[in-house]
């Protein structure tokens, strides 16, 4: 079975709420670079960070992160 790639809608979620990467980073306790690398699919967040992001946006984790393929 092949490895699935994680995709995300983090940038879309931010745009809907009109917040910057820096504002989101401060709200969940990470750096702006971390948010940027997650949005660009370079970094896969920990379960704890994924849950913090979902809680911040008041959506389920699955509404932000999906397995592609």
C-alpha atoms as a PDB file:
ATOM      1  CA  UNK A   1       0.000   0.000   0.000  1.00  0.00           C
ATOM      2  CA  UNK A   2       1.443   3.402  -1.022  1.00  0.00           C
ATOM      3  CA  UNK A   3       2.008   6.263   1.338  1.00  0.00           C
ATOM      4  CA  UNK A   4      -0.768   8.851   1.257  1.00  0.00           C
ATOM      5  CA  UNK A   5       0.035  12.539   1.121  1.00  0.00           C
ATOM      6  CA  UNK A   6      -1.593  14.899   3.573  1.00  0.00           C
ATOM      7  CA  UNK A   7      -3.285  17.928   2.014  1.00  0.00           C
ATOM      8  CA  UNK A   8      -4.823  20.830   3.856  1.00  0.00           C
ATOM      9  CA  UNK A   9      -7.156  23.803   3.559  1.00  0.00           C
ATOM     10  CA  UNK A  10      -5.335  25.930   6.102  1.00  0.00           C
ATOM     11  CA  UNK A  11      -4.817  28.824   3.691  1.00  0.00           C
ATOM     12  CA  UNK A  12      -8.509  28.751   2.766  1.00  0.00           C
ATOM     13  CA  UNK A  13      -9.524  28.683   6.433  1.00  0.00           C
ATOM     14  CA  UNK A  14      -7.312  31.720   7.077  1.00  0.00           C
ATOM     15  CA  UNK A  15      -8.717  33.582   4.066  1.00  0.00           C
ATOM     16  CA  UNK A  16     -12.299  32.964   5.180  1.00  0.00           C
ATOM     17  CA  UNK A  17     -11.478  34.590   8.512  1.00  0.00           C
ATOM     18  CA  UNK A  18      -9.112  37.203   7.049  1.00  0.00           C
ATOM     19  CA  UNK A  19      -6.187  36.425   9.337  1.00  0.00           C
ATOM     20  CA  UNK A  20      -2.478  36.325   8.574  1.00  0.00           C
ATOM     21  CA  UNK A  21      -0.089  33.442   9.061  1.00  0.00           C
ATOM     22  CA  UNK A  22       1.471  35.427  11.895  1.00  0.00           C
ATOM     23  CA  UNK A  23      -1.863  35.916  13.668  1.00  0.00           C
ATOM     24  CA  UNK A  24      -2.706  32.223  13.367  1.00  0.00           C
ATOM     25  CA  UNK A  25       0.757  31.217  14.558  1.00  0.00           C
ATOM     26  CA  UNK A  26       0.438  33.401  17.658  1.00  0.00           C
ATOM     27  CA  UNK A  27      -3.017  31.996  18.408  1.00  0.00           C
ATOM     28  CA  UNK A  28      -1.843  28.358  18.364  1.00  0.00           C
ATOM     29  CA  UNK A  29       1.654  28.877  19.789  1.00  0.00           C
ATOM     30  CA  UNK A  30       3.926  28.251  16.808  1.00  0.00           C
ATOM     31  CA  UNK A  31       5.987  30.373  14.414  1.00  0.00           C
ATOM     32  CA  UNK A  32       4.750  31.918  11.190  1.00  0.00           C
ATOM     33  CA  UNK A  33       7.230  29.695   9.364  1.00  0.00           C
ATOM     34  CA  UNK A  34       5.551  26.607  10.836  1.00  0.00           C
ATOM     35  CA  UNK A  35       2.171  27.754   9.506  1.00  0.00           C
ATOM     36  CA  UNK A  36       3.758  28.481   6.124  1.00  0.00           C
ATOM     37  CA  UNK A  37       5.391  25.047   5.876  1.00  0.00           C
ATOM     38  CA  UNK A  38       2.135  23.314   6.855  1.00  0.00           C
ATOM     39  CA  UNK A  39       0.192  25.269   4.220  1.00  0.00           C
ATOM     40  CA  UNK A  40       2.762  24.337   1.571  1.00  0.00           C
ATOM     41  CA  UNK A  41       2.731  20.633   2.476  1.00  0.00           C
ATOM     42  CA  UNK A  42       6.353  20.652   3.633  1.00  0.00           C
ATOM     43  CA  UNK A  43       5.604  19.919   7.285  1.00  0.00           C
ATOM     44  CA  UNK A  44       2.990  17.591   8.752  1.00  0.00           C
ATOM     45  CA  UNK A  45       1.749  18.933  12.079  1.00  0.00           C
ATOM     46  CA  UNK A  46       1.573  16.869  15.226  1.00  0.00           C
ATOM     47  CA  UNK A  47      -1.810  15.598  16.302  1.00  0.00           C
ATOM     48  CA  UNK A  48      -1.843  18.186  19.097  1.00  0.00           C
ATOM     49  CA  UNK A  49      -1.174  21.046  16.665  1.00  0.00           C
ATOM     50  CA  UNK A  50      -3.786  19.750  14.205  1.00  0.00           C
ATOM     51  CA  UNK A  51      -6.318  19.706  17.044  1.00  0.00           C
ATOM     52  CA  UNK A  52      -5.349  23.250  18.114  1.00  0.00           C
ATOM     53  CA  UNK A  53      -5.823  24.476  14.546  1.00  0.00           C
ATOM     54  CA  UNK A  54      -9.216  22.778  14.276  1.00  0.00           C
ATOM     55  CA  UNK A  55     -10.298  24.229  17.607  1.00  0.00           C
ATOM     56  CA  UNK A  56      -9.156  27.705  16.556  1.00  0.00           C
ATOM     57  CA  UNK A  57     -11.186  27.546  13.340  1.00  0.00           C
ATOM     58  CA  UNK A  58     -14.090  25.754  15.069  1.00  0.00           C
ATOM     59  CA  UNK A  59     -14.092  22.932  12.521  1.00  0.00           C
ATOM     60  CA  UNK A  60     -13.183  19.267  12.581  1.00  0.00           C
ATOM     61  CA  UNK A  61      -9.606  18.197  11.884  1.00  0.00           C
ATOM     62  CA  UNK A  62     -10.900  16.504   8.722  1.00  0.00           C
ATOM     63  CA  UNK A  63     -12.161  19.852   7.414  1.00  0.00           C
ATOM     64  CA  UNK A  64      -8.561  21.111   7.455  1.00  0.00           C
ATOM     65  CA  UNK A  65      -6.493  17.981   6.763  1.00  0.00           C
ATOM     66  CA  UNK A  66      -7.211  15.217   4.246  1.00  0.00           C
ATOM     67  CA  UNK A  67      -5.316  12.230   2.912  1.00  0.00           C
ATOM     68  CA  UNK A  68      -4.847  12.508  -0.844  1.00  0.00           C
ATOM     69  CA  UNK A  69      -4.826   9.401  -2.928  1.00  0.00           C
END
